[in-house]
Amino acid sequence: MKLGAFSVSLAVKDIGASRAFYEKLGFGVVAGEQAQNWLILRSEDGHTIGLFQGMFERNALTFNPGWDAQCQTLAEFDDVRALQRHFKQQGLTLNSETDESASGPGHITLTDPDGNPVLFDQHV
């Protein structure tokens, strides 16, 4: 199963302070708008984090089906709807589902046993 690009989405209190902190660790902004309270940062060795102020209650694990680590579209990938069907067959409870009859972008969410949100967010 191909889950897509992985990142950690952080629910931050002050996006400016968080940006400054992570830039000191070697991360640089690759996407987003600080004025809209969201930024995507990446380190030289490909680690990706998202900073989100006021959008999420908790930090979340994020997978992007259809993307590689540089947000480039993959030629082959497992669509979020196929992942949704697989997870349901495995007995997992989804918090949100995507329209099975649609194609292209969609997202699903679940929660791991420790209460951590897991987001599968397909943009392609």
PDB file of N, CA and C in Angstrom:
ATOM      1  N   MET A   1       0.841  -1.172   0.000  1.00  0.00           N
ATOM      2  CA  MET A   1       0.000   0.000   0.000  1.00  0.00           C
ATOM      3  C   MET A   1       0.889   1.239   0.000  1.00  0.00           C
ATOM      4  N   LYS A   2       0.556   2.174  -0.877  1.00  0.00           N
ATOM      5  CA  LYS A   2       1.320   3.422  -0.992  1.00  0.00           C
ATOM      6  C   LYS A   2       0.530   4.545  -0.333  1.00  0.00           C
ATOM      7  N   LEU A   3       1.055   5.066   0.768  1.00  0.00           N
ATOM      8  CA  LEU A   3       0.353   6.087   1.536  1.00  0.00           C
ATOM      9  C   LEU A   3       0.646   7.499   1.069  1.00  0.00           C
ATOM     10  N   GLY A   4       1.743   7.698   0.341  1.00  0.00           N
ATOM     11  CA  GLY A   4       2.105   9.027  -0.134  1.00  0.00           C
ATOM     12  C   GLY A   4       3.111   9.705   0.767  1.00  0.00           C
ATOM     13  N   ALA A   5       3.363  10.966   0.454  1.00  0.00           N
ATOM     14  CA  ALA A   5       4.327  11.764   1.215  1.00  0.00           C
ATOM     15  C   ALA A   5       3.887  11.857   2.671  1.00  0.00           C
ATOM     16  N   PHE A   6       4.849  11.873   3.575  1.00  0.00           N
ATOM     17  CA  PHE A   6       4.558  11.943   5.011  1.00  0.00           C
ATOM     18  C   PHE A   6       5.074  13.244   5.589  1.00  0.00           C
ATOM     19  N   SER A   7       4.296  13.824   6.491  1.00  0.00           N
ATOM     20  CA  SER A   7       4.728  14.997   7.244  1.00  0.00           C
ATOM     21  C   SER A   7       4.005  15.002   8.584  1.00  0.00           C
ATOM     22  N   VAL A   8       4.487  15.841   9.454  1.00  0.00           N
ATOM     23  CA  VAL A   8       3.818  16.072  10.731  1.00  0.00           C
ATOM     24  C   VAL A   8       3.194  17.456  10.655  1.00  0.00           C
ATOM     25  N   SER A   9       1.919  17.542  10.952  1.00  0.00           N
ATOM     26  CA  SER A   9       1.208  18.817  10.967  1.00  0.00           C
ATOM     27  C   SER A   9       1.109  19.280  12.414  1.00  0.00           C
ATOM     28  N   LEU A  10       1.728  20.408  12.694  1.00  0.00           N
ATOM     29  CA  LEU A  10       1.775  20.905  14.063  1.00  0.00           C
ATOM     30  C   LEU A  10       0.736  21.995  14.285  1.00  0.00           C
ATOM     31  N   ALA A  11      -0.044  21.863  15.337  1.00  0.00           N
ATOM     32  CA  ALA A  11      -1.001  22.886  15.751  1.00  0.00           C
ATOM     33  C   ALA A  11      -0.232  23.875  16.619  1.00  0.00           C
ATOM     34  N   VAL A  12       0.146  25.001  16.037  1.00  0.00           N
ATOM     35  CA  VAL A  12       1.013  25.953  16.737  1.00  0.00           C
ATOM     36  C   VAL A  12       0.206  27.118  17.311  1.00  0.00           C
ATOM     37  N   LYS A  13       0.745  27.721  18.357  1.00  0.00           N
ATOM     38  CA  LYS A  13       0.091  28.862  19.001  1.00  0.00           C
ATOM     39  C   LYS A  13       0.485  30.181  18.349  1.00  0.00           C
ATOM     40  N   ASP A  14       1.741  30.271  17.884  1.00  0.00           N
ATOM     41  CA  ASP A  14       2.254  31.501  17.266  1.00  0.00           C
ATOM     42  C   ASP A  14       3.074  31.087  16.052  1.00  0.00           C
ATOM     43  N   ILE A  15       2.501  31.225  14.864  1.00  0.00           N
ATOM     44  CA  ILE A  15       3.153  30.726  13.662  1.00  0.00           C
ATOM     45  C   ILE A  15       4.484  31.425  13.399  1.00  0.00           C
ATOM     46  N   GLY A  16       4.592  32.702  13.734  1.00  0.00           N
ATOM     47  CA  GLY A  16       5.854  33.429  13.540  1.00  0.00           C
ATOM     48  C   GLY A  16       6.958  32.875  14.431  1.00  0.00           C
ATOM     49  N   ALA A  17       6.631  32.639  15.698  1.00  0.00           N
ATOM     50  CA  ALA A  17       7.620  32.090  16.626  1.00  0.00           C
ATOM     51  C   ALA A  17       8.011  30.677  16.216  1.00  0.00           C
ATOM     52  N   SER A  18       7.030  29.879  15.792  1.00  0.00           N
ATOM     53  CA  SER A  18       7.320  28.504  15.366  1.00  0.00           C
ATOM     54  C   SER A  18       8.169  28.499  14.099  1.00  0.00           C
ATOM     55  N   ARG A  19       7.849  29.375  13.163  1.00  0.00           N
ATOM     56  CA  ARG A  19       8.648  29.466  11.937  1.00  0.00           C
ATOM     57  C   ARG A  19      10.096  29.808  12.267  1.00  0.00           C
ATOM     58  N   ALA A  20      10.293  30.797  13.103  1.00  0.00           N
ATOM     59  CA  ALA A  20      11.648  31.206  13.484  1.00  0.00           C
ATOM     60  C   ALA A  20      12.397  30.050  14.155  1.00  0.00           C
ATOM     61  N   PHE A  21      11.736  29.332  15.029  1.00  0.00           N
ATOM     62  CA  PHE A  21      12.358  28.203  15.716  1.00  0.00           C
ATOM     63  C   PHE A  21      12.807  27.137  14.719  1.00  0.00           C
ATOM     64  N   TYR A  22      11.900  26.707  13.850  1.00  0.00           N
ATOM     65  CA  TYR A  22      12.229  25.624  12.917  1.00  0.00           C
ATOM     66  C   TYR A  22      13.231  26.071  11.846  1.00  0.00           C
ATOM     67  N   GLU A  23      13.245  27.348  11.501  1.00  0.00           N
ATOM     68  CA  GLU A  23      14.271  27.830  10.573  1.00  0.00           C
ATOM     69  C   GLU A  23      15.655  27.722  11.211  1.00  0.00           C
ATOM     70  N   LYS A  24      15.751  27.924  12.514  1.00  0.00           N
ATOM     71  CA  LYS A  24      17.029  27.757  13.218  1.00  0.00           C
ATOM     72  C   LYS A  24      17.479  26.304  13.231  1.00  0.00           C
ATOM     73  N   LEU A  25      16.518  25.366  13.089  1.00  0.00           N
ATOM     74  CA  LEU A  25      16.851  23.946  13.006  1.00  0.00           C
ATOM     75  C   LEU A  25      17.206  23.526  11.583  1.00  0.00           C
ATOM     76  N   GLY A  26      17.112  24.451  10.637  1.00  0.00           N
ATOM     77  CA  GLY A  26      17.474  24.153   9.258  1.00  0.00           C
ATOM     78  C   GLY A  26      16.314  23.967   8.304  1.00  0.00           C
ATOM     79  N   PHE A  27      15.103  24.211   8.743  1.00  0.00           N
ATOM     80  CA  PHE A  27      13.939  24.099   7.861  1.00  0.00           C
ATOM     81  C   PHE A  27      13.733  25.409   7.109  1.00  0.00           C
ATOM     82  N   GLY A  28      13.200  25.309   5.896  1.00  0.00           N
ATOM     83  CA  GLY A  28      12.861  26.480   5.105  1.00  0.00           C
ATOM     84  C   GLY A  28      11.448  26.347   4.566  1.00  0.00           C
ATOM     85  N   VAL A  29      10.798  27.472   4.359  1.00  0.00           N
ATOM     86  CA  VAL A  29       9.427  27.481   3.852  1.00  0.00           C
ATOM     87  C   VAL A  29       9.422  27.042   2.392  1.00  0.00           C
ATOM     88  N   VAL A  30       8.553  26.080   2.066  1.00  0.00           N
ATOM     89  CA  VAL A  30       8.404  25.617   0.676  1.00  0.00           C
ATOM     90  C   VAL A  30       6.989  25.848   0.148  1.00  0.00           C
ATOM     91  N   ALA A  31       6.048  26.158   1.033  1.00  0.00           N
ATOM     92  CA  ALA A  31       4.672  26.425   0.599  1.00  0.00           C
ATOM     93  C   ALA A  31       3.925  27.096   1.741  1.00  0.00           C
ATOM     94  N   GLY A  32       2.763  27.652   1.401  1.00  0.00           N
ATOM     95  CA  GLY A  32       1.895  28.235   2.412  1.00  0.00           C
ATOM     96  C   GLY A  32       1.941  29.740   2.449  1.00  0.00           C
ATOM     97  N   GLU A  33       1.121  30.285   3.327  1.00  0.00           N
ATOM     98  CA  GLU A  33       1.007  31.729   3.532  1.00  0.00           C
ATOM     99  C   GLU A  33       0.936  32.002   5.026  1.00  0.00           C
ATOM    100  N   GLN A  34       1.956  32.652   5.547  1.00  0.00           N
ATOM    101  CA  GLN A  34       1.957  32.941   6.975  1.00  0.00           C
ATOM    102  C   GLN A  34       0.751  33.802   7.356  1.00  0.00           C
ATOM    103  N   ALA A  35       0.352  34.732   6.479  1.00  0.00           N
ATOM    104  CA  ALA A  35      -0.800  35.587   6.764  1.00  0.00           C
ATOM    105  C   ALA A  35      -2.094  34.779   6.859  1.00  0.00           C
ATOM    106  N   GLN A  36      -2.124  33.597   6.243  1.00  0.00           N
ATOM    107  CA  GLN A  36      -3.281  32.706   6.325  1.00  0.00           C
ATOM    108  C   GLN A  36      -3.109  31.665   7.428  1.00  0.00           C
ATOM    109  N   ASN A  37      -2.031  31.784   8.192  1.00  0.00           N
ATOM    110  CA  ASN A  37      -1.746  30.925   9.349  1.00  0.00           C
ATOM    111  C   ASN A  37      -1.393  29.487   8.997  1.00  0.00           C
ATOM    112  N   TRP A  38      -0.741  29.273   7.834  1.00  0.00           N
ATOM    113  CA  TRP A  38      -0.244  27.939   7.526  1.00  0.00           C
ATOM    114  C   TRP A  38       1.016  28.040   6.674  1.00  0.00           C
ATOM    115  N   LEU A  39       1.988  27.185   7.004  1.00  0.00           N
ATOM    116  CA  LEU A  39       3.253  27.099   6.277  1.00  0.00           C
ATOM    117  C   LEU A  39       3.685  25.641   6.210  1.00  0.00           C
ATOM    118  N   ILE A  40       4.336  25.287   5.112  1.00  0.00           N
ATOM    119  CA  ILE A  40       4.961  23.979   4.976  1.00  0.00           C
ATOM    120  C   ILE A  40       6.464  24.227   4.925  1.00  0.00           C
ATOM    121  N   LEU A  41       7.200  23.547   5.798  1.00  0.00           N
ATOM    122  CA  LEU A  41       8.648  23.706   5.873  1.00  0.00           C
ATOM    123  C   LEU A  41       9.325  22.379   5.586  1.00  0.00           C
ATOM    124  N   ARG A  42      10.514  22.464   4.976  1.00  0.00           N
ATOM    125  CA  ARG A  42      11.261  21.242   4.658  1.00  0.00           C
ATOM    126  C   ARG A  42      12.729  21.472   5.006  1.00  0.00           C
ATOM    127  N   SER A  43      13.355  20.410   5.499  1.00  0.00           N
ATOM    128  CA  SER A  43      14.786  20.452   5.801  1.00  0.00           C
ATOM    129  C   SER A  43      15.565  20.014   4.564  1.00  0.00           C
ATOM    130  N   GLU A  44      16.859  20.253   4.567  1.00  0.00           N
ATOM    131  CA  GLU A  44      17.717  19.863   3.441  1.00  0.00           C
ATOM    132  C   GLU A  44      17.638  18.376   3.149  1.00  0.00           C
ATOM    133  N   ASP A  45      17.450  17.565   4.174  1.00  0.00           N
ATOM    134  CA  ASP A  45      17.410  16.124   3.958  1.00  0.00           C
ATOM    135  C   ASP A  45      15.991  15.584   3.763  1.00  0.00           C
ATOM    136  N   GLY A  46      15.035  16.485   3.484  1.00  0.00           N
ATOM    137  CA  GLY A  46      13.714  16.064   3.056  1.00  0.00           C
ATOM    138  C   GLY A  46      12.647  15.878   4.115  1.00  0.00           C
ATOM    139  N   HIS A  47      12.924  16.220   5.358  1.00  0.00           N
ATOM    140  CA  HIS A  47      11.901  16.121   6.397  1.00  0.00           C
ATOM    141  C   HIS A  47      10.923  17.287   6.243  1.00  0.00           C
ATOM    142  N   THR A  48       9.635  16.984   6.340  1.00  0.00           N
ATOM    143  CA  THR A  48       8.614  17.998   6.115  1.00  0.00           C
ATOM    144  C   THR A  48       7.723  18.138   7.344  1.00  0.00           C
ATOM    145  N   ILE A  49       7.457  19.401   7.710  1.00  0.00           N
ATOM    146  CA  ILE A  49       6.507  19.697   8.774  1.00  0.00           C
ATOM    147  C   ILE A  49       5.577  20.802   8.283  1.00  0.00           C
ATOM    148  N   GLY A  50       4.358  20.758   8.764  1.00  0.00           N
ATOM    149  CA  GLY A  50       3.408  21.830   8.490  1.00  0.00           C
ATOM    150  C   GLY A  50       3.132  22.576   9.778  1.00  0.00           C
ATOM    151  N   LEU A  51       3.056  23.887   9.685  1.00  0.00           N
ATOM    152  CA  LEU A  51       2.705  24.721  10.831  1.00  0.00           C
ATOM    153  C   LEU A  51       1.312  25.287  10.571  1.00  0.00           C
ATOM    154  N   PHE A  52       0.384  25.051  11.487  1.00  0.00           N
ATOM    155  CA  PHE A  52      -0.997  25.471  11.314  1.00  0.00           C
ATOM    156  C   PHE A  52      -1.482  26.143  12.589  1.00  0.00           C
ATOM    157  N   GLN A  53      -1.724  27.442  12.512  1.00  0.00           N
ATOM    158  CA  GLN A  53      -2.201  28.189  13.682  1.00  0.00           C
ATOM    159  C   GLN A  53      -3.716  28.331  13.602  1.00  0.00           C
ATOM    160  N   GLY A  54      -4.410  27.815  14.631  1.00  0.00           N
ATOM    161  CA  GLY A  54      -5.853  27.969  14.714  1.00  0.00           C
ATOM    162  C   GLY A  54      -6.650  27.067  13.780  1.00  0.00           C
ATOM    163  N   MET A  55      -6.021  26.083  13.165  1.00  0.00           N
ATOM    164  CA  MET A  55      -6.733  25.207  12.224  1.00  0.00           C
ATOM    165  C   MET A  55      -7.007  23.826  12.796  1.00  0.00           C
ATOM    166  N   PHE A  56      -6.126  23.332  13.647  1.00  0.00           N
ATOM    167  CA  PHE A  56      -6.264  22.005  14.226  1.00  0.00           C
ATOM    168  C   PHE A  56      -6.153  22.110  15.729  1.00  0.00           C
ATOM    169  N   GLU A  57      -6.853  21.220  16.430  1.00  0.00           N
ATOM    170  CA  GLU A  57      -6.749  21.192  17.883  1.00  0.00           C
ATOM    171  C   GLU A  57      -5.486  20.488  18.358  1.00  0.00           C
ATOM    172  N   ARG A  58      -5.045  19.496  17.576  1.00  0.00           N
ATOM    173  CA  ARG A  58      -3.904  18.669  17.982  1.00  0.00           C
ATOM    174  C   ARG A  58      -2.944  18.504  16.817  1.00  0.00           C
ATOM    175  N   ASN A  59      -1.723  18.124  17.137  1.00  0.00           N
ATOM    176  CA  ASN A  59      -0.772  17.738  16.106  1.00  0.00           C
ATOM    177  C   ASN A  59      -1.309  16.507  15.391  1.00  0.00           C
ATOM    178  N   ALA A  60      -0.961  16.360  14.115  1.00  0.00           N
ATOM    179  CA  ALA A  60      -1.481  15.237  13.339  1.00  0.00           C
ATOM    180  C   ALA A  60      -0.398  14.656  12.446  1.00  0.00           C
ATOM    181  N   LEU A  61      -0.526  13.363  12.184  1.00  0.00           N
ATOM    182  CA  LEU A  61       0.296  12.707  11.172  1.00  0.00           C
ATOM    183  C   LEU A  61      -0.426  12.908   9.852  1.00  0.00           C
ATOM    184  N   THR A  62       0.310  13.304   8.812  1.00  0.00           N
ATOM    185  CA  THR A  62      -0.324  13.590   7.530  1.00  0.00           C
ATOM    186  C   THR A  62       0.344  12.793   6.418  1.00  0.00           C
ATOM    187  N   PHE A  63      -0.480  12.164   5.593  1.00  0.00           N
ATOM    188  CA  PHE A  63      -0.019  11.460   4.400  1.00  0.00           C
ATOM    189  C   PHE A  63      -0.709  12.088   3.199  1.00  0.00           C
ATOM    190  N   ASN A  64       0.041  12.263   2.118  1.00  0.00           N
ATOM    191  CA  ASN A  64      -0.515  12.838   0.890  1.00  0.00           C
ATOM    192  C   ASN A  64      -0.415  11.831  -0.246  1.00  0.00           C
ATOM    193  N   PRO A  65      -1.468  11.005  -0.416  1.00  0.00           N
ATOM    194  CA  PRO A  65      -1.466  10.060  -1.540  1.00  0.00           C
ATOM    195  C   PRO A  65      -1.286  10.806  -2.864  1.00  0.00           C
ATOM    196  N   GLY A  66      -0.436  10.257  -3.726  1.00  0.00           N
ATOM    197  CA  GLY A  66      -0.212  10.864  -5.035  1.00  0.00           C
ATOM    198  C   GLY A  66       0.959  11.804  -5.111  1.00  0.00           C
ATOM    199  N   TRP A  67       1.562  12.112  -3.977  1.00  0.00           N
ATOM    200  CA  TRP A  67       2.721  13.014  -3.951  1.00  0.00           C
ATOM    201  C   TRP A  67       3.952  12.304  -3.430  1.00  0.00           C
ATOM    202  N   ASP A  68       5.120  12.733  -3.951  1.00  0.00           N
ATOM    203  CA  ASP A  68       6.375  12.327  -3.345  1.00  0.00           C
ATOM    204  C   ASP A  68       6.737  13.363  -2.280  1.00  0.00           C
ATOM    205  N   ALA A  69       7.895  13.238  -1.670  1.00  0.00           N
ATOM    206  CA  ALA A  69       8.287  14.119  -0.563  1.00  0.00           C
ATOM    207  C   ALA A  69       8.460  15.578  -0.978  1.00  0.00           C
ATOM    208  N   GLN A  70       8.585  15.856  -2.280  1.00  0.00           N
ATOM    209  CA  GLN A  70       8.724  17.226  -2.772  1.00  0.00           C
ATOM    210  C   GLN A  70       7.410  17.740  -3.370  1.00  0.00           C
ATOM    211  N   CYS A  71       6.313  17.062  -3.071  1.00  0.00           N
ATOM    212  CA  CYS A  71       4.971  17.431  -3.539  1.00  0.00           C
ATOM    213  C   CYS A  71       4.836  17.345  -5.056  1.00  0.00           C
ATOM    214  N   GLN A  72       5.608  16.456  -5.661  1.00  0.00           N
ATOM    215  CA  GLN A  72       5.492  16.194  -7.091  1.00  0.00           C
ATOM    216  C   GLN A  72       4.526  15.023  -7.272  1.00  0.00           C
ATOM    217  N   THR A  73       3.688  15.113  -8.295  1.00  0.00           N
ATOM    218  CA  THR A  73       2.709  14.066  -8.542  1.00  0.00           C
ATOM    219  C   THR A  73       3.391  12.779  -8.995  1.00  0.00           C
ATOM    220  N   LEU A  74       3.016  11.680  -8.367  1.00  0.00           N
ATOM    221  CA  LEU A  74       3.544  10.366  -8.707  1.00  0.00           C
ATOM    222  C   LEU A  74       2.775   9.789  -9.895  1.00  0.00           C
ATOM    223  N   ALA A  75       3.479   9.049 -10.747  1.00  0.00           N
ATOM    224  CA  ALA A  75       2.829   8.411 -11.893  1.00  0.00           C
ATOM    225  C   ALA A  75       1.850   7.341 -11.430  1.00  0.00           C
ATOM    226  N   GLU A  76       2.201   6.619 -10.389  1.00  0.00           N
ATOM    227  CA  GLU A  76       1.340   5.574  -9.836  1.00  0.00           C
ATOM    228  C   GLU A  76       1.222   5.767  -8.330  1.00  0.00           C
ATOM    229  N   PHE A  77       0.008   5.649  -7.842  1.00  0.00           N
ATOM    230  CA  PHE A  77      -0.216   5.770  -6.400  1.00  0.00           C
ATOM    231  C   PHE A  77      -1.551   5.144  -6.053  1.00  0.00           C
ATOM    232  N   ASP A  78      -1.753   4.878  -4.769  1.00  0.00           N
ATOM    233  CA  ASP A  78      -3.026   4.358  -4.280  1.00  0.00           C
ATOM    234  C   ASP A  78      -3.930   5.544  -3.952  1.00  0.00           C
ATOM    235  N   ASP A  79      -5.041   5.628  -4.669  1.00  0.00           N
ATOM    236  CA  ASP A  79      -6.000   6.710  -4.484  1.00  0.00           C
ATOM    237  C   ASP A  79      -6.568   6.677  -3.062  1.00  0.00           C
ATOM    238  N   VAL A  80      -6.911   7.841  -2.553  1.00  0.00           N
ATOM    239  CA  VAL A  80      -7.436   7.939  -1.188  1.00  0.00           C
ATOM    240  C   VAL A  80      -8.697   7.105  -1.012  1.00  0.00           C
ATOM    241  N   ARG A  81      -9.493   6.926  -2.083  1.00  0.00           N
ATOM    242  CA  ARG A  81     -10.693   6.100  -1.985  1.00  0.00           C
ATOM    243  C   ARG A  81     -10.345   4.622  -1.830  1.00  0.00           C
ATOM    244  N   ALA A  82      -9.264   4.177  -2.482  1.00  0.00           N
ATOM    245  CA  ALA A  82      -8.800   2.797  -2.312  1.00  0.00           C
ATOM    246  C   ALA A  82      -8.278   2.598  -0.890  1.00  0.00           C
ATOM    247  N   LEU A  83      -7.569   3.597  -0.362  1.00  0.00           N
ATOM    248  CA  LEU A  83      -7.101   3.520   1.025  1.00  0.00           C
ATOM    249  C   LEU A  83      -8.291   3.457   1.976  1.00  0.00           C
ATOM    250  N   GLN A  84      -9.302   4.275   1.719  1.00  0.00           N
ATOM    251  CA  GLN A  84     -10.504   4.290   2.554  1.00  0.00           C
ATOM    252  C   GLN A  84     -11.159   2.913   2.580  1.00  0.00           C
ATOM    253  N   ARG A  85     -11.333   2.289   1.426  1.00  0.00           N
ATOM    254  CA  ARG A  85     -11.936   0.951   1.376  1.00  0.00           C
ATOM    255  C   ARG A  85     -11.086  -0.054   2.145  1.00  0.00           C
ATOM    256  N   HIS A  86      -9.762   0.007   1.949  1.00  0.00           N
ATOM    257  CA  HIS A  86      -8.861  -0.919   2.638  1.00  0.00           C
ATOM    258  C   HIS A  86      -8.959  -0.747   4.157  1.00  0.00           C
ATOM    259  N   PHE A  87      -8.908   0.487   4.633  1.00  0.00           N
ATOM    260  CA  PHE A  87      -8.963   0.725   6.074  1.00  0.00           C
ATOM    261  C   PHE A  87     -10.276   0.216   6.658  1.00  0.00           C
ATOM    262  N   LYS A  88     -11.372   0.445   5.956  1.00  0.00           N
ATOM    263  CA  LYS A  88     -12.675  -0.041   6.440  1.00  0.00           C
ATOM    264  C   LYS A  88     -12.711  -1.571   6.457  1.00  0.00           C
ATOM    265  N   GLN A  89     -12.123  -2.208   5.446  1.00  0.00           N
ATOM    266  CA  GLN A  89     -12.055  -3.672   5.425  1.00  0.00           C
ATOM    267  C   GLN A  89     -11.228  -4.199   6.588  1.00  0.00           C
ATOM    268  N   GLN A  90     -10.266  -3.409   7.038  1.00  0.00           N
ATOM    269  CA  GLN A  90      -9.434  -3.791   8.168  1.00  0.00           C
ATOM    270  C   GLN A  90     -10.122  -3.536   9.505  1.00  0.00           C
ATOM    271  N   GLY A  91     -11.334  -2.987   9.464  1.00  0.00           N
ATOM    272  CA  GLY A  91     -12.090  -2.738  10.679  1.00  0.00           C
ATOM    273  C   GLY A  91     -11.805  -1.406  11.341  1.00  0.00           C
ATOM    274  N   LEU A  92     -11.116  -0.515  10.654  1.00  0.00           N
ATOM    275  CA  LEU A  92     -10.827   0.795  11.231  1.00  0.00           C
ATOM    276  C   LEU A  92     -12.045   1.705  11.103  1.00  0.00           C
ATOM    277  N   THR A  93     -12.222   2.574  12.093  1.00  0.00           N
ATOM    278  CA  THR A  93     -13.289   3.558  12.075  1.00  0.00           C
ATOM    279  C   THR A  93     -12.737   4.871  11.553  1.00  0.00           C
ATOM    280  N   LEU A  94     -13.351   5.396  10.512  1.00  0.00           N
ATOM    281  CA  LEU A  94     -12.919   6.674   9.954  1.00  0.00           C
ATOM    282  C   LEU A  94     -13.732   7.806  10.577  1.00  0.00           C
ATOM    283  N   ASN A  95     -13.058   8.899  10.886  1.00  0.00           N
ATOM    284  CA  ASN A  95     -13.736  10.083  11.424  1.00  0.00           C
ATOM    285  C   ASN A  95     -14.405  10.876  10.313  1.00  0.00           C
ATOM    286  N   SER A  96     -13.761  10.887   9.151  1.00  0.00           N
ATOM    287  CA  SER A  96     -14.346  11.529   7.976  1.00  0.00           C
ATOM    288  C   SER A  96     -13.980  10.688   6.767  1.00  0.00           C
ATOM    289  N   GLU A  97     -14.876  10.673   5.795  1.00  0.00           N
ATOM    290  CA  GLU A  97     -14.683   9.880   4.591  1.00  0.00           C
ATOM    291  C   GLU A  97     -14.763  10.782   3.372  1.00  0.00           C
ATOM    292  N   THR A  98     -14.243  10.273   2.254  1.00  0.00           N
ATOM    293  CA  THR A  98     -14.349  10.994   0.994  1.00  0.00           C
ATOM    294  C   THR A  98     -15.382  10.297   0.112  1.00  0.00           C
ATOM    295  N   ASP A  99     -15.905  11.007  -0.826  1.00  0.00           N
ATOM    296  CA  ASP A  99     -16.947  10.499  -1.716  1.00  0.00           C
ATOM    297  C   ASP A  99     -16.375   9.407  -2.609  1.00  0.00           C
ATOM    298  N   GLU A 100     -16.882   8.195  -2.446  1.00  0.00           N
ATOM    299  CA  GLU A 100     -16.402   7.040  -3.225  1.00  0.00           C
ATOM    300  C   GLU A 100     -16.670   7.199  -4.718  1.00  0.00           C
ATOM    301  N   SER A 101     -17.687   7.963  -5.102  1.00  0.00           N
ATOM    302  CA  SER A 101     -18.040   8.098  -6.513  1.00  0.00           C
ATOM    303  C   SER A 101     -17.240   9.192  -7.216  1.00  0.00           C
ATOM    304  N   ALA A 102     -16.472   9.963  -6.472  1.00  0.00           N
ATOM    305  CA  ALA A 102     -15.690  11.055  -7.048  1.00  0.00           C
ATOM    306  C   ALA A 102     -14.301  10.562  -7.445  1.00  0.00           C
ATOM    307  N   SER A 103     -13.531  11.437  -8.042  1.00  0.00           N
ATOM    308  CA  SER A 103     -12.128  11.161  -8.345  1.00  0.00           C
ATOM    309  C   SER A 103     -11.333  12.426  -8.051  1.00  0.00           C
ATOM    310  N   GLY A 104     -10.018  12.291  -8.044  1.00  0.00           N
ATOM    311  CA  GLY A 104      -9.173  13.453  -7.770  1.00  0.00           C
ATOM    312  C   GLY A 104      -9.045  13.719  -6.284  1.00  0.00           C
ATOM    313  N   PRO A 105      -8.919  15.007  -5.921  1.00  0.00           N
ATOM    314  CA  PRO A 105      -8.687  15.361  -4.524  1.00  0.00           C
ATOM    315  C   PRO A 105      -9.755  14.816  -3.581  1.00  0.00           C
ATOM    316  N   GLY A 106      -9.312  14.478  -2.376  1.00  0.00           N
ATOM    317  CA  GLY A 106     -10.199  14.013  -1.329  1.00  0.00           C
ATOM    318  C   GLY A 106      -9.396  13.757  -0.076  1.00  0.00           C
ATOM    319  N   HIS A 107     -10.074  13.631   1.039  1.00  0.00           N
ATOM    320  CA  HIS A 107      -9.348  13.341   2.283  1.00  0.00           C
ATOM    321  C   HIS A 107     -10.191  12.467   3.203  1.00  0.00           C
ATOM    322  N   ILE A 108      -9.480  11.745   4.052  1.00  0.00           N
ATOM    323  CA  ILE A 108     -10.088  10.951   5.109  1.00  0.00           C
ATOM    324  C   ILE A 108      -9.287  11.180   6.383  1.00  0.00           C
ATOM    325  N   THR A 109      -9.935  10.984   7.502  1.00  0.00           N
ATOM    326  CA  THR A 109      -9.236  11.101   8.785  1.00  0.00           C
ATOM    327  C   THR A 109      -9.615   9.928   9.676  1.00  0.00           C
ATOM    328  N   LEU A 110      -8.668   9.541  10.505  1.00  0.00           N
ATOM    329  CA  LEU A 110      -8.893   8.551  11.542  1.00  0.00           C
ATOM    330  C   LEU A 110      -8.082   8.954  12.753  1.00  0.00           C
ATOM    331  N   THR A 111      -8.264   8.234  13.817  1.00  0.00           N
ATOM    332  CA  THR A 111      -7.553   8.517  15.059  1.00  0.00           C
ATOM    333  C   THR A 111      -6.881   7.240  15.518  1.00  0.00           C
ATOM    334  N   ASP A 112      -5.585   7.351  15.875  1.00  0.00           N
ATOM    335  CA  ASP A 112      -4.873   6.152  16.334  1.00  0.00           C
ATOM    336  C   ASP A 112      -5.280   5.831  17.775  1.00  0.00           C
ATOM    337  N   PRO A 113      -4.861   4.683  18.313  1.00  0.00           N
ATOM    338  CA  PRO A 113      -5.298   4.273  19.655  1.00  0.00           C
ATOM    339  C   PRO A 113      -4.942   5.247  20.776  1.00  0.00           C
ATOM    340  N   ASP A 114      -3.957   6.133  20.525  1.00  0.00           N
ATOM    341  CA  ASP A 114      -3.567   7.100  21.548  1.00  0.00           C
ATOM    342  C   ASP A 114      -4.215   8.461  21.359  1.00  0.00           C
ATOM    343  N   GLY A 115      -5.148   8.545  20.422  1.00  0.00           N
ATOM    344  CA  GLY A 115      -5.861   9.802  20.204  1.00  0.00           C
ATOM    345  C   GLY A 115      -5.214  10.740  19.200  1.00  0.00           C
ATOM    346  N   ASN A 116      -4.160  10.274  18.514  1.00  0.00           N
ATOM    347  CA  ASN A 116      -3.488  11.123  17.530  1.00  0.00           C
ATOM    348  C   ASN A 116      -4.256  11.113  16.206  1.00  0.00           C
ATOM    349  N   PRO A 117      -4.583  12.279  15.681  1.00  0.00           N
ATOM    350  CA  PRO A 117      -5.252  12.331  14.396  1.00  0.00           C
ATOM    351  C   PRO A 117      -4.307  11.887  13.274  1.00  0.00           C
ATOM    352  N   VAL A 118      -4.866  11.157  12.301  1.00  0.00           N
ATOM    353  CA  VAL A 118      -4.120  10.733  11.120  1.00  0.00           C
ATOM    354  C   VAL A 118      -4.939  11.196   9.914  1.00  0.00           C
ATOM    355  N   LEU A 119      -4.326  12.029   9.089  1.00  0.00           N
ATOM    356  CA  LEU A 119      -4.984  12.621   7.934  1.00  0.00           C
ATOM    357  C   LEU A 119      -4.380  12.072   6.655  1.00  0.00           C
ATOM    358  N   PHE A 120      -5.233  11.659   5.736  1.00  0.00           N
ATOM    359  CA  PHE A 120      -4.824  11.273   4.383  1.00  0.00           C
ATOM    360  C   PHE A 120      -5.443  12.319   3.470  1.00  0.00           C
ATOM    361  N   ASP A 121      -4.606  13.213   2.939  1.00  0.00           N
ATOM    362  CA  ASP A 121      -5.062  14.386   2.204  1.00  0.00           C
ATOM    363  C   ASP A 121      -4.513  14.350   0.793  1.00  0.00           C
ATOM    364  N   GLN A 122      -5.349  13.926  -0.160  1.00  0.00           N
ATOM    365  CA  GLN A 122      -4.927  13.786  -1.557  1.00  0.00           C
ATOM    366  C   GLN A 122      -5.264  15.061  -2.302  1.00  0.00           C
ATOM    367  N   HIS A 123      -4.268  15.645  -2.963  1.00  0.00           N
ATOM    368  CA  HIS A 123      -4.437  16.901  -3.706  1.00  0.00           C
ATOM    369  C   HIS A 123      -4.540  16.707  -5.205  1.00  0.00           C
ATOM    370  N   VAL A 124      -4.283  15.492  -5.697  1.00  0.00           N
ATOM    371  CA  VAL A 124      -4.281  15.248  -7.144  1.00  0.00           C
ATOM    372  C   VAL A 124      -5.402  14.303  -7.540  1.00  0.00           C
TER     373      VAL A 124
END
